[in-house]
C-alpha atoms as a PDB file:
ATOM      1  CA  MET A   1     138.730 139.138  76.653  1.00  0.00           C
ATOM      2  CA  THR A   2     135.647 140.336  78.450  1.00  0.00           C
ATOM      3  CA  LEU A   3     132.172 138.945  78.148  1.00  0.00           C
ATOM      4  CA  THR A   4     129.501 141.121  76.651  1.00  0.00           C
ATOM      5  CA  ARG A   5     126.352 141.600  78.680  1.00  0.00           C
ATOM      6  CA  SER A   6     124.415 139.375  76.326  1.00  0.00           C
ATOM      7  CA  ALA A   7     127.014 136.589  76.618  1.00  0.00           C
ATOM      8  CA  ALA A   8     127.052 136.959  80.410  1.00  0.00           C
ATOM      9  CA  ARG A   9     123.262 136.820  80.485  1.00  0.00           C
ATOM     10  CA  SER A  10     123.233 133.724  78.270  1.00  0.00           C
ATOM     11  CA  ALA A  11     125.826 132.010  80.469  1.00  0.00           C
ATOM     12  CA  ALA A  12     123.866 132.946  83.591  1.00  0.00           C
ATOM     13  CA  THR A  13     120.649 131.644  82.017  1.00  0.00           C
ATOM     14  CA  GLY A  14     122.337 128.320  81.284  1.00  0.00           C
ATOM     15  CA  THR A  15     123.786 128.195  84.795  1.00  0.00           C
ATOM     16  CA  CYS A  16     120.374 128.828  86.335  1.00  0.00           C
ATOM     17  CA  ALA A  17     118.731 126.148  84.191  1.00  0.00           C
ATOM     18  CA  ALA A  18     121.495 123.625  84.919  1.00  0.00           C
ATOM     19  CA  GLY A  19     121.188 124.309  88.651  1.00  0.00           C
ATOM     20  CA  LEU A  20     117.427 123.806  88.576  1.00  0.00           C
ATOM     21  CA  LEU A  21     117.708 120.529  86.681  1.00  0.00           C
ATOM     22  CA  THR A  22     120.453 119.302  89.027  1.00  0.00           C
ATOM     23  CA  ALA A  23     118.285 120.140  92.021  1.00  0.00           C
ATOM     24  CA  VAL A  24     115.315 118.267  90.575  1.00  0.00           C
ATOM     25  CA  ALA A  25     117.551 115.252  89.982  1.00  0.00           C
ATOM     26  CA  GLY A  26     118.587 115.532  93.642  1.00  0.00           C
ATOM     27  CA  THR A  27     114.972 115.259  94.776  1.00  0.00           C
ATOM     28  CA  PHE A  28     114.871 111.782  93.205  1.00  0.00           C
ATOM     29  CA  LEU A  29     118.056 110.640  94.975  1.00  0.00           C
ATOM     30  CA  PRO A  30     117.899 109.048  98.463  1.00  0.00           C
ATOM     31  CA  TRP A  31     116.833 111.436 101.236  1.00  0.00           C
ATOM     32  CA  LEU A  32     115.718 109.011 103.929  1.00  0.00           C
ATOM     33  CA  ARG A  33     116.896 105.631 105.116  1.00  0.00           C
ATOM     34  CA  SER A  34     114.544 103.359 106.984  1.00  0.00           C
ATOM     35  CA  GLY A  35     116.010  99.996 107.776  1.00  0.00           C
ATOM     36  CA  ALA A  36     117.660  98.745 104.602  1.00  0.00           C
ATOM     37  CA  ALA A  37     115.471 100.851 102.278  1.00  0.00           C
ATOM     38  CA  GLU A  38     116.415 104.258 100.957  1.00  0.00           C
ATOM     39  CA  ARG A  39     113.655 106.649  99.936  1.00  0.00           C
ATOM     40  CA  ASN A  40     113.676 109.744  97.742  1.00  0.00           C
ATOM     41  CA  SER A  41     112.118 113.012  98.872  1.00  0.00           C
ATOM     42  CA  TYR A  42     108.726 112.210  97.340  1.00  0.00           C
ATOM     43  CA  GLN A  43     108.515 108.825  99.068  1.00  0.00           C
ATOM     44  CA  ALA A  44     109.569 110.511 102.326  1.00  0.00           C
ATOM     45  CA  VAL A  45     106.812 113.103 101.884  1.00  0.00           C
ATOM     46  CA  GLY A  46     104.277 110.320 101.342  1.00  0.00           C
ATOM     47  CA  ILE A  47     105.385 108.558 104.512  1.00  0.00           C
ATOM     48  CA  ALA A  48     105.292 111.783 106.522  1.00  0.00           C
ATOM     49  CA  GLU A  49     101.805 112.545 105.249  1.00  0.00           C
ATOM     50  CA  GLN A  50     100.473 109.126 106.205  1.00  0.00           C
ATOM     51  CA  LEU A  51     102.183 108.661 109.539  1.00  0.00           C
ATOM     52  CA  VAL A  52     102.717 111.957 111.250  1.00  0.00           C
ATOM     53  CA  LEU A  53     100.953 114.903 109.750  1.00  0.00           C
ATOM     54  CA  ARG A  54      97.570 113.576 108.734  1.00  0.00           C
ATOM     55  CA  ASP A  55      95.674 115.921 111.078  1.00  0.00           C
ATOM     56  CA  ASP A  56      97.738 119.076 110.438  1.00  0.00           C
ATOM     57  CA  ALA A  57      96.238 120.876 107.432  1.00  0.00           C
ATOM     58  CA  LEU A  58      99.092 123.382 107.011  1.00  0.00           C
ATOM     59  CA  ALA A  59     101.795 120.738 107.177  1.00  0.00           C
ATOM     60  CA  GLY A  60      99.831 118.561 104.773  1.00  0.00           C
ATOM     61  CA  ALA A  61      99.553 121.438 102.300  1.00  0.00           C
ATOM     62  CA  LEU A  62     103.288 122.131 102.544  1.00  0.00           C
ATOM     63  CA  LEU A  63     104.098 118.472 102.013  1.00  0.00           C
ATOM     64  CA  ARG A  64     101.830 118.310  98.966  1.00  0.00           C
ATOM     65  CA  ALA A  65     103.472 121.494  97.636  1.00  0.00           C
ATOM     66  CA  TRP A  66     106.797 119.636  97.581  1.00  0.00           C
ATOM     67  CA  LEU A  67     105.351 117.466  94.814  1.00  0.00           C
ATOM     68  CA  THR A  68     105.252 120.539  92.552  1.00  0.00           C
ATOM     69  CA  VAL A  69     109.025 121.178  92.711  1.00  0.00           C
ATOM     70  CA  PRO A  70     109.824 119.446  89.383  1.00  0.00           C
ATOM     71  CA  LEU A  71     106.920 121.178  87.622  1.00  0.00           C
ATOM     72  CA  LEU A  72     107.933 124.595  88.950  1.00  0.00           C
ATOM     73  CA  ALA A  73     111.573 124.039  88.019  1.00  0.00           C
ATOM     74  CA  VAL A  74     110.637 122.997  84.482  1.00  0.00           C
ATOM     75  CA  ALA A  75     108.364 126.055  84.224  1.00  0.00           C
ATOM     76  CA  CYS A  76     111.291 128.291  85.238  1.00  0.00           C
ATOM     77  CA  VAL A  77     113.576 126.637  82.667  1.00  0.00           C
ATOM     78  CA  GLY A  78     110.851 127.035  80.040  1.00  0.00           C
ATOM     79  CA  LEU A  79     110.519 130.741  80.794  1.00  0.00           C
ATOM     80  CA  LEU A  80     114.287 131.163  80.580  1.00  0.00           C
ATOM     81  CA  VAL A  81     114.486 129.318  77.257  1.00  0.00           C
ATOM     82  CA  LEU A  82     111.530 131.198  75.760  1.00  0.00           C
ATOM     83  CA  GLY A  83     113.184 134.538  76.475  1.00  0.00           C
ATOM     84  CA  TRP A  84     111.225 135.549  79.567  1.00  0.00           C
ATOM     85  CA  ARG A  85     114.526 135.686  81.426  1.00  0.00           C
ATOM     86  CA  ARG A  86     113.640 138.106  84.210  1.00  0.00           C
ATOM     87  CA  THR A  87     110.383 136.325  85.033  1.00  0.00           C
ATOM     88  CA  GLY A  88     112.017 132.898  84.894  1.00  0.00           C
ATOM     89  CA  ALA A  89     115.000 134.087  86.944  1.00  0.00           C
ATOM     90  CA  ALA A  90     112.795 135.723  89.585  1.00  0.00           C
ATOM     91  CA  LEU A  91     110.694 132.568  89.978  1.00  0.00           C
ATOM     92  CA  ALA A  92     113.842 130.431  89.973  1.00  0.00           C
ATOM     93  CA  ALA A  93     115.334 132.567  92.745  1.00  0.00           C
ATOM     94  CA  VAL A  94     112.260 132.122  94.931  1.00  0.00           C
ATOM     95  CA  LEU A  95     112.156 128.383  94.227  1.00  0.00           C
ATOM     96  CA  ALA A  96     115.891 128.078  94.907  1.00  0.00           C
ATOM     97  CA  LEU A  97     115.580 129.820  98.261  1.00  0.00           C
ATOM     98  CA  LEU A  98     112.646 127.677  99.384  1.00  0.00           C
ATOM     99  CA  VAL A  99     113.822 124.282  98.141  1.00  0.00           C
ATOM    100  CA  GLY A 100     117.471 124.962  98.967  1.00  0.00           C
ATOM    101  CA  THR A 101     116.476 125.829 102.528  1.00  0.00           C
ATOM    102  CA  VAL A 102     114.587 122.545 102.863  1.00  0.00           C
ATOM    103  CA  GLY A 103     117.653 120.661 101.613  1.00  0.00           C
ATOM    104  CA  VAL A 104     119.956 122.436 104.063  1.00  0.00           C
ATOM    105  CA  VAL A 105     117.577 121.866 106.989  1.00  0.00           C
ATOM    106  CA  VAL A 106     117.429 118.156 106.177  1.00  0.00           C
ATOM    107  CA  LEU A 107     121.239 118.041 105.890  1.00  0.00           C
ATOM    108  CA  VAL A 108     121.623 119.753 109.260  1.00  0.00           C
ATOM    109  CA  GLN A 109     119.543 116.976 110.798  1.00  0.00           C
ATOM    110  CA  GLY A 110     122.387 114.747 109.679  1.00  0.00           C
ATOM    111  CA  PRO A 111     122.609 111.066 108.971  1.00  0.00           C
ATOM    112  CA  GLY A 112     121.986 108.907 111.990  1.00  0.00           C
ATOM    113  CA  ALA A 113     124.296 105.917 111.744  1.00  0.00           C
ATOM    114  CA  SER A 114     122.778 104.133 114.715  1.00  0.00           C
ATOM    115  CA  GLU A 115     119.168 105.103 114.083  1.00  0.00           C
ATOM    116  CA  VAL A 116     116.663 102.842 112.366  1.00  0.00           C
ATOM    117  CA  VAL A 117     115.323 105.837 110.417  1.00  0.00           C
ATOM    118  CA  GLY A 118     117.786 108.504 109.344  1.00  0.00           C
ATOM    119  CA  VAL A 119     118.687 111.092 106.763  1.00  0.00           C
ATOM    120  CA  THR A 120     120.698 110.058 103.723  1.00  0.00           C
ATOM    121  CA  PRO A 121     122.747 113.133 102.761  1.00  0.00           C
ATOM    122  CA  THR A 122     123.050 112.423  99.026  1.00  0.00           C
ATOM    123  CA  GLY A 123     119.704 113.817  97.863  1.00  0.00           C
ATOM    124  CA  PRO A 124     119.580 116.894 100.104  1.00  0.00           C
ATOM    125  CA  ALA A 125     123.204 117.769  99.266  1.00  0.00           C
ATOM    126  CA  VAL A 126     122.670 117.538  95.486  1.00  0.00           C
ATOM    127  CA  THR A 127     119.391 119.452  95.738  1.00  0.00           C
ATOM    128  CA  SER A 128     120.930 122.206  97.875  1.00  0.00           C
ATOM    129  CA  ALA A 129     123.966 122.501  95.607  1.00  0.00           C
ATOM    130  CA  GLY A 130     121.758 122.662  92.517  1.00  0.00           C
ATOM    131  CA  MET A 131     119.566 125.338  94.041  1.00  0.00           C
ATOM    132  CA  THR A 132     122.626 127.341  95.083  1.00  0.00           C
ATOM    133  CA  ILE A 133     123.858 127.248  91.479  1.00  0.00           C
ATOM    134  CA  ALA A 134     120.381 128.150  90.229  1.00  0.00           C
ATOM    135  CA  LEU A 135     120.182 131.077  92.659  1.00  0.00           C
ATOM    136  CA  LEU A 136     123.563 132.445  91.565  1.00  0.00           C
ATOM    137  CA  GLY A 137     122.545 132.140  87.906  1.00  0.00           C
ATOM    138  CA  ALA A 138     119.160 133.751  88.554  1.00  0.00           C
ATOM    139  CA  LEU A 139     120.695 136.678  90.422  1.00  0.00           C
ATOM    140  CA  THR A 140     123.175 137.190  87.598  1.00  0.00           C
ATOM    141  CA  VAL A 141     120.382 137.138  85.017  1.00  0.00           C
ATOM    142  CA  LEU A 142     118.450 139.693  87.046  1.00  0.00           C
ATOM    143  CA  GLY A 143     121.561 141.833  87.502  1.00  0.00           C
ATOM    144  CA  THR A 144     122.464 141.899  83.825  1.00  0.00           C
ATOM    145  CA  ALA A 145     118.854 142.588  82.814  1.00  0.00           C
ATOM    146  CA  ARG A 146     118.691 145.530  85.189  1.00  0.00           C
ATOM    147  CA  ARG A 147     121.872 147.097  83.780  1.00  0.00           C
ATOM    148  CA  ASP A 148     120.580 146.703  80.221  1.00  0.00           C
ATOM    149  CA  ASP A 149     117.298 148.399  81.145  1.00  0.00           C
ATOM    150  CA  GLN A 150     119.132 151.339  82.723  1.00  0.00           C
ATOM    151  CA  ASP A 151     121.512 151.722  79.785  1.00  0.00           C
ATOM    152  CA  THR A 152     118.881 151.606  77.055  1.00  0.00           C
ATOM    153  CA  GLY A 153     115.856 152.952  78.880  1.00  0.00           C
ATOM    154  CA  ARG A 154     113.813 149.959  77.706  1.00  0.00           C
ATOM    155  CA  ALA A 155     111.648 148.369  80.329  1.00  0.00           C
ATOM    156  CA  GLY A 156     110.300 145.252  78.685  1.00  0.00           C
ATOM    157  CA  VAL A 157     113.049 143.519  76.720  1.00  0.00           C
END
């Protein structure tokens, strides 16, 4: 039994939304270990802003932009649910590439077992995996929407 385009698009929409929500959950998991304390990505951003990057305006803006990840992910899911699939999928793809890259870069830094401050791989791994799933779902949504537009000649549905 083959999936119809509409069923494939619905499955891809659900996959994209599930990936985004998983990634957001990952941002609240431990990303940084300092001493005995583990900190999520938002606490790590706050520490970085206060300690290291106070005088760098660009870095400060990028760090503050991280705080919008949950809002942007929920906006993408909302667009997908409300039927604006191509718009939601396109925004989700961009978000997945940016946030997923951050997660992978943090993972590459690796956990430092002997260091006082080190990376905890749980949060970055879950976030990167979620964004990978979201990206695959978003690309599938965009691919199925494109085929429908070519078959029917309709540009806006």
